[in-house]
Amino acid sequence: MADVFLSYGRATRARVEQISDALEGSGYNLWWDKALNASDDYAMVIEKEIDAARCVVVAWSNQARQSLWVRAEANEALDKGKLVQINLDACRLPLPFTMLHFLDFRPWRGEREGSPWTEFHGRVGGMLRGEAFDDGATGQPGPALQGFGKIALLGWAAILVAALTALAVAMVATGRLAPATFSALTLAALALAAILMALAAFVLIRVSLASRR
């Protein structure tokens, strides 16, 4: 049984073979469908290999997103918390995978340093070691929501601003803060809140655009 299961569309086999060679060259034990024999029960073998693998790499492409096999393999990997996604041709990923973190592999030509290989290698290795992805979104092992970690941080910042404003109101009510000072703090808080709302809107737009790729 292999540590890494590789799922892809047949039209991208040459590119996926490059990825397979690079993964194996990095010391990973890999399984993909070239290991199937004509006499094998494909569904049973694939299900067993996904169960045994600690990481499932799905290489999305226009053909892959239309493949029931690739979707089924991706769903199984997602359910088991072992999914790592890459996009080979800027296709729009199918739901719900469009909302999950993926790496853009369009510019990759086989190099084993720099972007996107370094992050991909780190994600595969982290998955095999049982490490959570440091995306600031879920805090759990597995794919993080694309861009939503930043929105969570902005939300916590907005809560902090609201808490500080409430504290200032309480201090004015008890006479520990001058009204003029409170007015200045309120204006600053409103300005900060407007900035946070603008940043949240920007991130949401970026997430929306990413989901349409």
N, C-alpha and C. Protein backbone atom coordinates (compact mmCIF):
# COMPACT_ATOMS: atom_id res chain seq x y z
N MET A 1 0.84 -1.20 0.00
CA MET A 1 0.00 0.00 0.00
C MET A 1 0.88 1.25 0.00
N ALA A 2 0.42 2.29 -0.69
CA ALA A 2 1.21 3.51 -0.83
C ALA A 2 0.76 4.57 0.18
N ASP A 3 1.66 5.51 0.46
CA ASP A 3 1.33 6.62 1.35
C ASP A 3 0.51 7.69 0.65
N VAL A 4 0.76 7.88 -0.67
CA VAL A 4 0.10 8.95 -1.44
C VAL A 4 -0.68 8.33 -2.59
N PHE A 5 -1.96 8.70 -2.70
CA PHE A 5 -2.82 8.28 -3.81
C PHE A 5 -2.97 9.48 -4.74
N LEU A 6 -2.81 9.25 -6.05
CA LEU A 6 -2.87 10.35 -7.03
C LEU A 6 -4.07 10.16 -7.95
N SER A 7 -4.95 11.16 -7.98
CA SER A 7 -6.15 11.13 -8.80
C SER A 7 -6.05 12.22 -9.88
N TYR A 8 -6.49 11.91 -11.11
CA TYR A 8 -6.30 12.85 -12.22
C TYR A 8 -7.20 12.47 -13.39
N GLY A 9 -7.27 13.33 -14.40
CA GLY A 9 -7.96 13.04 -15.64
C GLY A 9 -6.97 12.54 -16.68
N ARG A 10 -7.37 11.58 -17.49
CA ARG A 10 -6.45 10.93 -18.44
C ARG A 10 -5.77 11.91 -19.40
N ALA A 11 -6.46 12.99 -19.76
CA ALA A 11 -5.89 13.95 -20.72
C ALA A 11 -4.63 14.62 -20.18
N THR A 12 -4.44 14.60 -18.87
CA THR A 12 -3.28 15.26 -18.26
C THR A 12 -2.25 14.23 -17.77
N ARG A 13 -2.29 13.04 -18.31
CA ARG A 13 -1.42 11.97 -17.82
C ARG A 13 0.07 12.35 -17.89
N ALA A 14 0.49 13.02 -18.97
CA ALA A 14 1.91 13.36 -19.10
C ALA A 14 2.35 14.30 -17.98
N ARG A 15 1.52 15.31 -17.67
CA ARG A 15 1.86 16.24 -16.59
C ARG A 15 1.82 15.53 -15.23
N VAL A 16 0.84 14.66 -15.06
CA VAL A 16 0.72 13.94 -13.80
C VAL A 16 1.90 12.98 -13.61
N GLU A 17 2.42 12.45 -14.71
CA GLU A 17 3.60 11.58 -14.60
C GLU A 17 4.79 12.38 -14.10
N GLN A 18 4.91 13.65 -14.53
CA GLN A 18 5.96 14.52 -14.00
C GLN A 18 5.83 14.68 -12.49
N ILE A 19 4.60 14.91 -12.04
CA ILE A 19 4.35 15.07 -10.61
C ILE A 19 4.65 13.78 -9.86
N SER A 20 4.23 12.66 -10.45
CA SER A 20 4.52 11.36 -9.85
C SER A 20 6.02 11.13 -9.70
N ASP A 21 6.77 11.43 -10.76
CA ASP A 21 8.22 11.25 -10.71
C ASP A 21 8.85 12.14 -9.63
N ALA A 22 8.36 13.39 -9.54
CA ALA A 22 8.91 14.32 -8.55
C ALA A 22 8.59 13.87 -7.13
N LEU A 23 7.37 13.37 -6.91
CA LEU A 23 7.00 12.88 -5.59
C LEU A 23 7.83 11.66 -5.20
N GLU A 24 7.98 10.73 -6.14
CA GLU A 24 8.78 9.54 -5.85
C GLU A 24 10.25 9.90 -5.66
N GLY A 25 10.72 10.92 -6.42
CA GLY A 25 12.08 11.38 -6.25
C GLY A 25 12.31 12.03 -4.89
N SER A 26 11.22 12.50 -4.28
CA SER A 26 11.31 13.10 -2.94
C SER A 26 11.15 12.06 -1.84
N GLY A 27 11.01 10.80 -2.24
CA GLY A 27 10.97 9.72 -1.26
C GLY A 27 9.59 9.24 -0.87
N TYR A 28 8.54 9.73 -1.57
CA TYR A 28 7.18 9.31 -1.23
C TYR A 28 6.81 8.03 -1.97
N ASN A 29 6.08 7.18 -1.27
CA ASN A 29 5.56 5.94 -1.85
C ASN A 29 4.20 6.25 -2.45
N LEU A 30 4.08 6.11 -3.78
CA LEU A 30 2.93 6.65 -4.52
C LEU A 30 2.15 5.54 -5.22
N TRP A 31 0.81 5.73 -5.27
CA TRP A 31 -0.05 4.84 -6.08
C TRP A 31 -0.91 5.69 -7.00
N TRP A 32 -0.97 5.28 -8.27
CA TRP A 32 -1.95 5.86 -9.19
C TRP A 32 -2.34 4.77 -10.18
N ASP A 33 -3.29 5.07 -11.09
CA ASP A 33 -3.96 4.00 -11.81
C ASP A 33 -3.09 3.24 -12.80
N LYS A 34 -1.85 3.67 -13.02
CA LYS A 34 -1.00 2.88 -13.90
C LYS A 34 -0.63 1.55 -13.24
N ALA A 35 -0.89 1.45 -11.92
CA ALA A 35 -0.62 0.20 -11.21
C ALA A 35 -1.76 -0.80 -11.35
N LEU A 36 -2.87 -0.38 -11.97
CA LEU A 36 -4.01 -1.29 -12.15
C LEU A 36 -3.72 -2.34 -13.22
N ASN A 37 -4.20 -3.53 -12.99
CA ASN A 37 -4.13 -4.61 -13.98
C ASN A 37 -5.48 -4.79 -14.65
N ALA A 38 -5.50 -5.31 -15.86
CA ALA A 38 -6.74 -5.46 -16.61
C ALA A 38 -7.75 -6.33 -15.86
N SER A 39 -7.27 -7.26 -15.08
CA SER A 39 -8.15 -8.20 -14.36
C SER A 39 -8.64 -7.65 -13.02
N ASP A 40 -8.15 -6.49 -12.61
CA ASP A 40 -8.52 -5.93 -11.31
C ASP A 40 -9.96 -5.43 -11.30
N ASP A 41 -10.59 -5.53 -10.13
CA ASP A 41 -11.86 -4.85 -9.89
C ASP A 41 -11.51 -3.42 -9.54
N TYR A 42 -11.61 -2.53 -10.53
CA TYR A 42 -11.10 -1.17 -10.37
C TYR A 42 -11.66 -0.48 -9.13
N ALA A 43 -12.97 -0.54 -8.94
CA ALA A 43 -13.60 0.16 -7.82
C ALA A 43 -13.07 -0.35 -6.48
N MET A 44 -12.94 -1.66 -6.35
CA MET A 44 -12.47 -2.25 -5.09
C MET A 44 -11.02 -1.88 -4.82
N VAL A 45 -10.18 -1.95 -5.87
CA VAL A 45 -8.76 -1.63 -5.70
C VAL A 45 -8.58 -0.16 -5.33
N ILE A 46 -9.28 0.72 -6.04
CA ILE A 46 -9.15 2.15 -5.78
C ILE A 46 -9.63 2.49 -4.37
N GLU A 47 -10.76 1.93 -3.97
CA GLU A 47 -11.27 2.18 -2.61
C GLU A 47 -10.27 1.72 -1.56
N LYS A 48 -9.68 0.55 -1.78
CA LYS A 48 -8.70 0.03 -0.81
C LYS A 48 -7.46 0.91 -0.76
N GLU A 49 -7.00 1.38 -1.91
CA GLU A 49 -5.80 2.23 -1.93
C GLU A 49 -6.05 3.59 -1.28
N ILE A 50 -7.23 4.17 -1.50
CA ILE A 50 -7.55 5.45 -0.84
C ILE A 50 -7.64 5.26 0.67
N ASP A 51 -8.23 4.16 1.10
CA ASP A 51 -8.31 3.87 2.54
C ASP A 51 -6.91 3.75 3.15
N ALA A 52 -6.01 3.12 2.42
CA ALA A 52 -4.67 2.87 2.95
C ALA A 52 -3.78 4.11 2.90
N ALA A 53 -4.00 4.97 1.90
CA ALA A 53 -3.15 6.16 1.74
C ALA A 53 -3.38 7.14 2.88
N ARG A 54 -2.35 7.90 3.21
CA ARG A 54 -2.47 8.94 4.23
C ARG A 54 -2.66 10.32 3.59
N CYS A 55 -2.51 10.39 2.27
CA CYS A 55 -2.71 11.63 1.54
C CYS A 55 -3.23 11.30 0.15
N VAL A 56 -4.24 12.04 -0.29
CA VAL A 56 -4.78 11.88 -1.65
C VAL A 56 -4.59 13.19 -2.38
N VAL A 57 -3.80 13.17 -3.44
CA VAL A 57 -3.57 14.35 -4.27
C VAL A 57 -4.51 14.29 -5.46
N VAL A 58 -5.37 15.29 -5.59
CA VAL A 58 -6.27 15.36 -6.74
C VAL A 58 -5.77 16.46 -7.67
N ALA A 59 -5.44 16.06 -8.90
CA ALA A 59 -4.95 17.00 -9.92
C ALA A 59 -6.14 17.39 -10.80
N TRP A 60 -6.75 18.53 -10.48
CA TRP A 60 -7.94 18.96 -11.22
C TRP A 60 -7.56 19.53 -12.59
N SER A 61 -8.43 19.27 -13.54
CA SER A 61 -8.30 19.81 -14.90
C SER A 61 -9.71 19.84 -15.48
N ASN A 62 -9.86 20.39 -16.68
CA ASN A 62 -11.19 20.42 -17.30
C ASN A 62 -11.76 19.02 -17.46
N GLN A 63 -10.91 18.06 -17.80
CA GLN A 63 -11.40 16.69 -17.94
C GLN A 63 -11.69 16.07 -16.58
N ALA A 64 -10.80 16.31 -15.61
CA ALA A 64 -10.96 15.72 -14.29
C ALA A 64 -12.26 16.15 -13.62
N ARG A 65 -12.63 17.44 -13.78
CA ARG A 65 -13.83 17.94 -13.11
C ARG A 65 -15.09 17.30 -13.69
N GLN A 66 -15.00 16.73 -14.91
CA GLN A 66 -16.15 16.06 -15.52
C GLN A 66 -16.13 14.55 -15.29
N SER A 67 -15.09 14.07 -14.63
CA SER A 67 -14.95 12.63 -14.41
C SER A 67 -15.62 12.21 -13.11
N LEU A 68 -16.55 11.26 -13.19
CA LEU A 68 -17.20 10.74 -12.00
C LEU A 68 -16.19 10.04 -11.09
N TRP A 69 -15.19 9.39 -11.70
CA TRP A 69 -14.17 8.71 -10.92
C TRP A 69 -13.36 9.70 -10.08
N VAL A 70 -12.92 10.78 -10.72
CA VAL A 70 -12.11 11.77 -9.99
C VAL A 70 -12.94 12.41 -8.88
N ARG A 71 -14.18 12.76 -9.19
CA ARG A 71 -15.04 13.36 -8.17
C ARG A 71 -15.26 12.39 -7.00
N ALA A 72 -15.48 11.13 -7.33
CA ALA A 72 -15.70 10.14 -6.27
C ALA A 72 -14.45 10.00 -5.40
N GLU A 73 -13.28 9.96 -6.05
CA GLU A 73 -12.03 9.85 -5.29
C GLU A 73 -11.80 11.10 -4.43
N ALA A 74 -12.11 12.27 -4.98
CA ALA A 74 -11.95 13.51 -4.22
C ALA A 74 -12.91 13.55 -3.03
N ASN A 75 -14.15 13.13 -3.25
CA ASN A 75 -15.12 13.08 -2.15
C ASN A 75 -14.67 12.15 -1.04
N GLU A 76 -14.17 11.00 -1.43
CA GLU A 76 -13.68 10.03 -0.44
C GLU A 76 -12.53 10.61 0.36
N ALA A 77 -11.61 11.28 -0.35
CA ALA A 77 -10.47 11.89 0.33
C ALA A 77 -10.91 13.01 1.28
N LEU A 78 -11.88 13.82 0.83
CA LEU A 78 -12.38 14.90 1.67
C LEU A 78 -13.04 14.35 2.93
N ASP A 79 -13.85 13.31 2.77
CA ASP A 79 -14.53 12.70 3.91
C ASP A 79 -13.53 12.15 4.93
N LYS A 80 -12.39 11.67 4.44
CA LYS A 80 -11.40 11.08 5.32
C LYS A 80 -10.34 12.07 5.80
N GLY A 81 -10.47 13.35 5.37
CA GLY A 81 -9.54 14.37 5.83
C GLY A 81 -8.13 14.20 5.32
N LYS A 82 -7.98 13.73 4.06
CA LYS A 82 -6.64 13.49 3.53
C LYS A 82 -6.46 14.10 2.13
N LEU A 83 -7.20 15.17 1.82
CA LEU A 83 -7.22 15.75 0.47
C LEU A 83 -6.22 16.89 0.32
N VAL A 84 -5.41 16.82 -0.76
CA VAL A 84 -4.56 17.93 -1.20
C VAL A 84 -4.90 18.18 -2.66
N GLN A 85 -5.26 19.41 -3.04
CA GLN A 85 -5.72 19.72 -4.39
C GLN A 85 -4.72 20.58 -5.15
N ILE A 86 -4.55 20.26 -6.43
CA ILE A 86 -3.79 21.12 -7.33
C ILE A 86 -4.64 21.35 -8.58
N ASN A 87 -4.42 22.48 -9.25
CA ASN A 87 -5.17 22.83 -10.45
C ASN A 87 -4.18 22.93 -11.61
N LEU A 88 -4.39 22.11 -12.63
CA LEU A 88 -3.43 22.04 -13.73
C LEU A 88 -3.70 23.02 -14.86
N ASP A 89 -4.96 23.45 -15.03
CA ASP A 89 -5.26 24.28 -16.20
C ASP A 89 -6.24 25.42 -15.92
N ALA A 90 -6.32 25.85 -14.67
CA ALA A 90 -7.17 26.97 -14.28
C ALA A 90 -8.65 26.69 -14.49
N CYS A 91 -9.05 25.42 -14.50
CA CYS A 91 -10.47 25.10 -14.59
C CYS A 91 -11.16 25.49 -13.29
N ARG A 92 -12.46 25.70 -13.37
CA ARG A 92 -13.22 25.92 -12.14
C ARG A 92 -13.45 24.58 -11.48
N LEU A 93 -13.03 24.44 -10.22
CA LEU A 93 -13.21 23.19 -9.52
C LEU A 93 -14.70 22.96 -9.27
N PRO A 94 -15.13 21.69 -9.22
CA PRO A 94 -16.54 21.41 -8.93
C PRO A 94 -16.84 21.67 -7.46
N LEU A 95 -18.10 21.95 -7.16
CA LEU A 95 -18.52 22.10 -5.77
C LEU A 95 -18.44 20.75 -5.06
N PRO A 96 -18.05 20.72 -3.78
CA PRO A 96 -17.69 21.84 -2.91
C PRO A 96 -16.19 22.16 -2.95
N PHE A 97 -15.46 21.54 -3.87
CA PHE A 97 -13.99 21.65 -3.85
C PHE A 97 -13.49 23.03 -4.23
N THR A 98 -14.34 23.80 -4.93
CA THR A 98 -13.95 25.16 -5.30
C THR A 98 -13.74 26.05 -4.07
N MET A 99 -14.35 25.68 -2.92
CA MET A 99 -14.23 26.47 -1.70
C MET A 99 -13.04 26.04 -0.84
N LEU A 100 -12.34 24.98 -1.24
CA LEU A 100 -11.23 24.46 -0.46
C LEU A 100 -9.90 24.88 -1.06
N HIS A 101 -8.88 24.90 -0.23
CA HIS A 101 -7.56 25.34 -0.67
C HIS A 101 -7.03 24.46 -1.81
N PHE A 102 -6.49 25.10 -2.84
CA PHE A 102 -5.83 24.36 -3.92
C PHE A 102 -4.62 25.16 -4.39
N LEU A 103 -3.70 24.47 -5.03
CA LEU A 103 -2.47 25.10 -5.53
C LEU A 103 -2.52 25.20 -7.05
N ASP A 104 -2.11 26.33 -7.57
CA ASP A 104 -2.09 26.58 -9.01
C ASP A 104 -0.82 25.98 -9.60
N PHE A 105 -0.97 24.89 -10.36
CA PHE A 105 0.18 24.20 -10.95
C PHE A 105 0.36 24.54 -12.43
N ARG A 106 -0.32 25.55 -12.93
CA ARG A 106 -0.16 25.91 -14.34
C ARG A 106 1.28 26.26 -14.69
N PRO A 107 1.99 27.03 -13.85
CA PRO A 107 3.35 27.41 -14.24
C PRO A 107 4.41 26.35 -13.94
N TRP A 108 4.02 25.24 -13.30
CA TRP A 108 5.01 24.25 -12.86
C TRP A 108 5.51 23.43 -14.05
N ARG A 109 6.83 23.31 -14.17
CA ARG A 109 7.43 22.58 -15.29
C ARG A 109 8.40 21.49 -14.81
N GLY A 110 8.18 21.01 -13.59
CA GLY A 110 8.99 19.91 -13.09
C GLY A 110 10.05 20.30 -12.09
N GLU A 111 10.22 21.62 -11.84
CA GLU A 111 11.25 22.04 -10.89
C GLU A 111 10.83 21.65 -9.47
N ARG A 112 11.83 21.37 -8.63
CA ARG A 112 11.55 20.92 -7.26
C ARG A 112 11.98 21.96 -6.23
N GLU A 113 11.88 23.20 -6.60
CA GLU A 113 12.12 24.29 -5.66
C GLU A 113 11.27 25.48 -6.09
N GLY A 114 10.98 26.36 -5.16
CA GLY A 114 10.15 27.51 -5.48
C GLY A 114 8.67 27.16 -5.55
N SER A 115 7.87 28.16 -5.90
CA SER A 115 6.42 27.99 -5.98
C SER A 115 6.04 27.33 -7.32
N PRO A 116 5.04 26.41 -7.34
CA PRO A 116 4.21 25.97 -6.21
C PRO A 116 4.73 24.71 -5.53
N TRP A 117 5.87 24.18 -6.00
CA TRP A 117 6.33 22.88 -5.51
C TRP A 117 6.63 22.90 -4.02
N THR A 118 7.25 23.94 -3.52
CA THR A 118 7.64 23.97 -2.10
C THR A 118 6.42 23.84 -1.21
N GLU A 119 5.35 24.59 -1.51
CA GLU A 119 4.14 24.49 -0.68
C GLU A 119 3.47 23.14 -0.86
N PHE A 120 3.44 22.64 -2.09
CA PHE A 120 2.84 21.33 -2.35
C PHE A 120 3.58 20.24 -1.59
N HIS A 121 4.89 20.26 -1.68
CA HIS A 121 5.72 19.27 -0.99
C HIS A 121 5.48 19.34 0.51
N GLY A 122 5.37 20.58 1.03
CA GLY A 122 5.12 20.75 2.45
C GLY A 122 3.76 20.22 2.88
N ARG A 123 2.75 20.43 2.03
CA ARG A 123 1.40 19.96 2.35
C ARG A 123 1.33 18.43 2.34
N VAL A 124 1.94 17.82 1.34
CA VAL A 124 1.93 16.36 1.28
C VAL A 124 2.69 15.80 2.48
N GLY A 125 3.87 16.34 2.74
CA GLY A 125 4.65 15.86 3.88
C GLY A 125 3.94 16.08 5.20
N GLY A 126 3.29 17.26 5.35
CA GLY A 126 2.55 17.53 6.58
C GLY A 126 1.38 16.59 6.76
N MET A 127 0.69 16.27 5.66
CA MET A 127 -0.42 15.33 5.73
C MET A 127 0.05 13.96 6.19
N LEU A 128 1.19 13.52 5.65
CA LEU A 128 1.72 12.21 6.03
C LEU A 128 2.16 12.17 7.49
N ARG A 129 2.58 13.34 8.01
CA ARG A 129 2.99 13.41 9.43
C ARG A 129 1.81 13.70 10.34
N GLY A 130 0.62 13.87 9.76
CA GLY A 130 -0.56 14.13 10.57
C GLY A 130 -0.63 15.54 11.10
N GLU A 131 0.05 16.49 10.42
CA GLU A 131 0.06 17.87 10.88
C GLU A 131 -1.12 18.64 10.30
N ALA A 132 -1.62 19.59 11.07
CA ALA A 132 -2.68 20.48 10.58
C ALA A 132 -2.07 21.52 9.68
N PHE A 133 -2.79 21.90 8.62
CA PHE A 133 -2.33 22.97 7.75
C PHE A 133 -2.45 24.29 8.48
N ASP A 134 -1.42 25.10 8.41
CA ASP A 134 -1.42 26.40 9.10
C ASP A 134 -2.04 27.47 8.20
N ASP A 135 -3.37 27.35 8.00
CA ASP A 135 -4.07 28.30 7.14
C ASP A 135 -4.91 29.29 7.93
N GLY A 136 -5.01 29.06 9.24
CA GLY A 136 -5.77 29.97 10.07
C GLY A 136 -7.27 29.91 9.84
N ALA A 137 -7.76 28.85 9.20
CA ALA A 137 -9.19 28.80 8.92
C ALA A 137 -9.90 27.77 9.77
N THR A 138 -9.43 26.51 9.73
CA THR A 138 -10.13 25.46 10.43
C THR A 138 -9.42 25.01 11.68
N GLY A 139 -8.10 25.07 11.68
CA GLY A 139 -7.35 24.57 12.82
C GLY A 139 -7.31 23.06 12.89
N GLN A 140 -7.81 22.41 11.86
CA GLN A 140 -7.86 20.96 11.82
C GLN A 140 -7.08 20.46 10.62
N PRO A 141 -6.55 19.21 10.69
CA PRO A 141 -5.89 18.67 9.51
C PRO A 141 -6.86 18.59 8.35
N GLY A 142 -6.35 18.86 7.15
CA GLY A 142 -7.19 18.79 5.98
C GLY A 142 -7.22 20.10 5.25
N PRO A 143 -7.93 20.17 4.12
CA PRO A 143 -7.93 21.39 3.31
C PRO A 143 -8.67 22.51 3.98
N ALA A 144 -8.11 23.70 3.94
CA ALA A 144 -8.75 24.86 4.57
C ALA A 144 -9.62 25.58 3.55
N LEU A 145 -10.59 26.32 4.05
CA LEU A 145 -11.42 27.12 3.16
C LEU A 145 -10.59 28.22 2.55
N GLN A 146 -10.70 28.35 1.22
CA GLN A 146 -9.88 29.30 0.48
C GLN A 146 -10.20 30.74 0.88
N GLY A 147 -9.28 31.40 1.59
CA GLY A 147 -9.44 32.80 1.92
C GLY A 147 -10.21 33.10 3.19
N PHE A 148 -10.90 32.12 3.78
CA PHE A 148 -11.75 32.43 4.91
C PHE A 148 -10.99 32.62 6.21
N GLY A 149 -9.74 32.20 6.28
CA GLY A 149 -8.94 32.46 7.47
C GLY A 149 -8.74 33.95 7.68
N LYS A 150 -8.54 34.70 6.59
CA LYS A 150 -8.36 36.15 6.68
C LYS A 150 -9.64 36.82 7.16
N ILE A 151 -10.79 36.31 6.70
CA ILE A 151 -12.05 36.89 7.13
C ILE A 151 -12.25 36.65 8.62
N ALA A 152 -11.86 35.47 9.11
CA ALA A 152 -11.97 35.18 10.54
C ALA A 152 -11.12 36.16 11.35
N LEU A 153 -9.91 36.44 10.89
CA LEU A 153 -9.05 37.38 11.60
C LEU A 153 -9.67 38.77 11.62
N LEU A 154 -10.23 39.19 10.50
CA LEU A 154 -10.89 40.49 10.44
C LEU A 154 -12.09 40.53 11.38
N GLY A 155 -12.80 39.41 11.48
CA GLY A 155 -13.94 39.34 12.39
C GLY A 155 -13.52 39.50 13.85
N TRP A 156 -12.43 38.82 14.22
CA TRP A 156 -11.92 38.96 15.60
C TRP A 156 -11.46 40.39 15.86
N ALA A 157 -10.86 41.03 14.86
CA ALA A 157 -10.43 42.43 15.03
C ALA A 157 -11.63 43.34 15.25
N ALA A 158 -12.72 43.09 14.50
CA ALA A 158 -13.94 43.89 14.67
C ALA A 158 -14.54 43.70 16.06
N ILE A 159 -14.52 42.46 16.56
CA ILE A 159 -15.02 42.19 17.92
C ILE A 159 -14.18 42.93 18.95
N LEU A 160 -12.86 42.96 18.75
CA LEU A 160 -11.98 43.68 19.67
C LEU A 160 -12.31 45.17 19.68
N VAL A 161 -12.53 45.75 18.49
CA VAL A 161 -12.89 47.17 18.41
C VAL A 161 -14.19 47.43 19.17
N ALA A 162 -15.19 46.54 18.97
CA ALA A 162 -16.48 46.71 19.65
C ALA A 162 -16.31 46.61 21.17
N ALA A 163 -15.47 45.66 21.63
CA ALA A 163 -15.24 45.49 23.06
C ALA A 163 -14.57 46.72 23.67
N LEU A 164 -13.59 47.27 22.96
CA LEU A 164 -12.90 48.47 23.45
C LEU A 164 -13.85 49.67 23.49
N THR A 165 -14.74 49.76 22.48
CA THR A 165 -15.72 50.85 22.48
C THR A 165 -16.67 50.73 23.67
N ALA A 166 -17.13 49.51 23.95
CA ALA A 166 -18.00 49.28 25.11
C ALA A 166 -17.30 49.63 26.42
N LEU A 167 -16.00 49.29 26.50
CA LEU A 167 -15.23 49.64 27.69
C LEU A 167 -15.14 51.15 27.86
N ALA A 168 -14.95 51.87 26.73
CA ALA A 168 -14.87 53.33 26.80
C ALA A 168 -16.19 53.93 27.26
N VAL A 169 -17.32 53.36 26.79
CA VAL A 169 -18.64 53.84 27.23
C VAL A 169 -18.79 53.66 28.73
N ALA A 170 -18.36 52.50 29.23
CA ALA A 170 -18.46 52.23 30.67
C ALA A 170 -17.60 53.21 31.47
N MET A 171 -16.43 53.54 30.94
CA MET A 171 -15.54 54.47 31.64
C MET A 171 -16.11 55.89 31.66
N VAL A 172 -16.78 56.30 30.58
CA VAL A 172 -17.44 57.61 30.57
C VAL A 172 -18.57 57.63 31.60
N ALA A 173 -19.35 56.54 31.64
CA ALA A 173 -20.49 56.47 32.57
C ALA A 173 -20.04 56.55 34.02
N THR A 174 -18.85 56.05 34.32
CA THR A 174 -18.34 56.07 35.70
C THR A 174 -17.45 57.27 35.97
N GLY A 175 -17.34 58.15 34.99
CA GLY A 175 -16.55 59.35 35.18
C GLY A 175 -15.05 59.15 35.09
N ARG A 176 -14.61 58.03 34.60
CA ARG A 176 -13.17 57.74 34.51
C ARG A 176 -12.59 58.13 33.16
N LEU A 177 -13.45 58.62 32.25
CA LEU A 177 -12.99 59.04 30.93
C LEU A 177 -13.75 60.29 30.52
N ALA A 178 -13.02 61.32 30.10
CA ALA A 178 -13.64 62.58 29.72
C ALA A 178 -14.44 62.41 28.42
N PRO A 179 -15.59 63.07 28.32
CA PRO A 179 -16.41 62.97 27.09
C PRO A 179 -15.64 63.35 25.83
N ALA A 180 -14.77 64.36 25.91
CA ALA A 180 -14.00 64.77 24.72
C ALA A 180 -13.07 63.65 24.27
N THR A 181 -12.44 63.01 25.23
CA THR A 181 -11.57 61.88 24.90
C THR A 181 -12.37 60.73 24.30
N PHE A 182 -13.57 60.49 24.88
CA PHE A 182 -14.44 59.44 24.37
C PHE A 182 -14.84 59.71 22.92
N SER A 183 -15.14 60.97 22.61
CA SER A 183 -15.53 61.33 21.24
C SER A 183 -14.40 61.03 20.26
N ALA A 184 -13.18 61.38 20.67
CA ALA A 184 -12.02 61.12 19.80
C ALA A 184 -11.83 59.63 19.59
N LEU A 185 -11.98 58.84 20.68
CA LEU A 185 -11.83 57.38 20.56
C LEU A 185 -12.92 56.78 19.69
N THR A 186 -14.13 57.34 19.81
CA THR A 186 -15.25 56.83 19.00
C THR A 186 -14.99 57.06 17.51
N LEU A 187 -14.49 58.24 17.17
CA LEU A 187 -14.17 58.53 15.77
C LEU A 187 -13.10 57.59 15.26
N ALA A 188 -12.08 57.33 16.09
CA ALA A 188 -11.01 56.41 15.70
C ALA A 188 -11.55 55.00 15.51
N ALA A 189 -12.47 54.58 16.41
CA ALA A 189 -13.06 53.25 16.32
C ALA A 189 -13.90 53.10 15.05
N LEU A 190 -14.66 54.15 14.73
CA LEU A 190 -15.47 54.13 13.50
C LEU A 190 -14.59 54.04 12.26
N ALA A 191 -13.49 54.78 12.26
CA ALA A 191 -12.57 54.73 11.12
C ALA A 191 -11.97 53.34 10.98
N LEU A 192 -11.57 52.75 12.13
CA LEU A 192 -11.00 51.41 12.09
C LEU A 192 -12.02 50.38 11.63
N ALA A 193 -13.26 50.52 12.11
CA ALA A 193 -14.33 49.60 11.69
C ALA A 193 -14.57 49.70 10.18
N ALA A 194 -14.53 50.91 9.64
CA ALA A 194 -14.72 51.09 8.19
C ALA A 194 -13.60 50.40 7.41
N ILE A 195 -12.36 50.51 7.92
CA ILE A 195 -11.22 49.87 7.26
C ILE A 195 -11.38 48.35 7.28
N LEU A 196 -11.80 47.81 8.45
CA LEU A 196 -11.98 46.36 8.57
C LEU A 196 -13.08 45.86 7.63
N MET A 197 -14.17 46.63 7.52
CA MET A 197 -15.25 46.24 6.61
C MET A 197 -14.78 46.25 5.16
N ALA A 198 -13.97 47.25 4.80
CA ALA A 198 -13.44 47.31 3.43
C ALA A 198 -12.52 46.14 3.14
N LEU A 199 -11.68 45.78 4.12
CA LEU A 199 -10.79 44.64 3.94
C LEU A 199 -11.57 43.34 3.83
N ALA A 200 -12.62 43.18 4.65
CA ALA A 200 -13.44 41.98 4.59
C ALA A 200 -14.12 41.87 3.22
N ALA A 201 -14.63 42.99 2.71
CA ALA A 201 -15.27 42.99 1.39
C ALA A 201 -14.26 42.60 0.31
N PHE A 202 -13.02 43.11 0.43
CA PHE A 202 -11.98 42.78 -0.55
C PHE A 202 -11.68 41.28 -0.54
N VAL A 203 -11.55 40.70 0.67
CA VAL A 203 -11.25 39.26 0.77
C VAL A 203 -12.41 38.44 0.21
N LEU A 204 -13.65 38.84 0.51
CA LEU A 204 -14.81 38.11 -0.02
C LEU A 204 -14.85 38.14 -1.54
N ILE A 205 -14.49 39.28 -2.12
CA ILE A 205 -14.45 39.39 -3.59
C ILE A 205 -13.39 38.46 -4.15
N ARG A 206 -12.22 38.42 -3.47
CA ARG A 206 -11.14 37.53 -3.92
C ARG A 206 -11.57 36.07 -3.85
N VAL A 207 -12.27 35.69 -2.77
CA VAL A 207 -12.76 34.32 -2.63
C VAL A 207 -13.74 34.00 -3.73
N SER A 208 -14.65 34.95 -4.01
CA SER A 208 -15.64 34.73 -5.06
C SER A 208 -14.99 34.54 -6.42
N LEU A 209 -13.97 35.34 -6.72
CA LEU A 209 -13.26 35.21 -7.99
C LEU A 209 -12.53 33.88 -8.06
N ALA A 210 -11.92 33.47 -6.94
CA ALA A 210 -11.21 32.18 -6.92
C ALA A 210 -12.15 31.03 -7.17
N SER A 211 -13.39 31.12 -6.66
CA SER A 211 -14.36 30.04 -6.84
C SER A 211 -14.85 29.94 -8.27
N ARG A 212 -14.62 30.97 -9.10
CA ARG A 212 -15.07 30.96 -10.49
C ARG A 212 -13.98 30.56 -11.45
N ARG A 213 -12.77 30.26 -10.94
CA ARG A 213 -11.68 29.91 -11.85
C ARG A 213 -11.92 28.56 -12.47
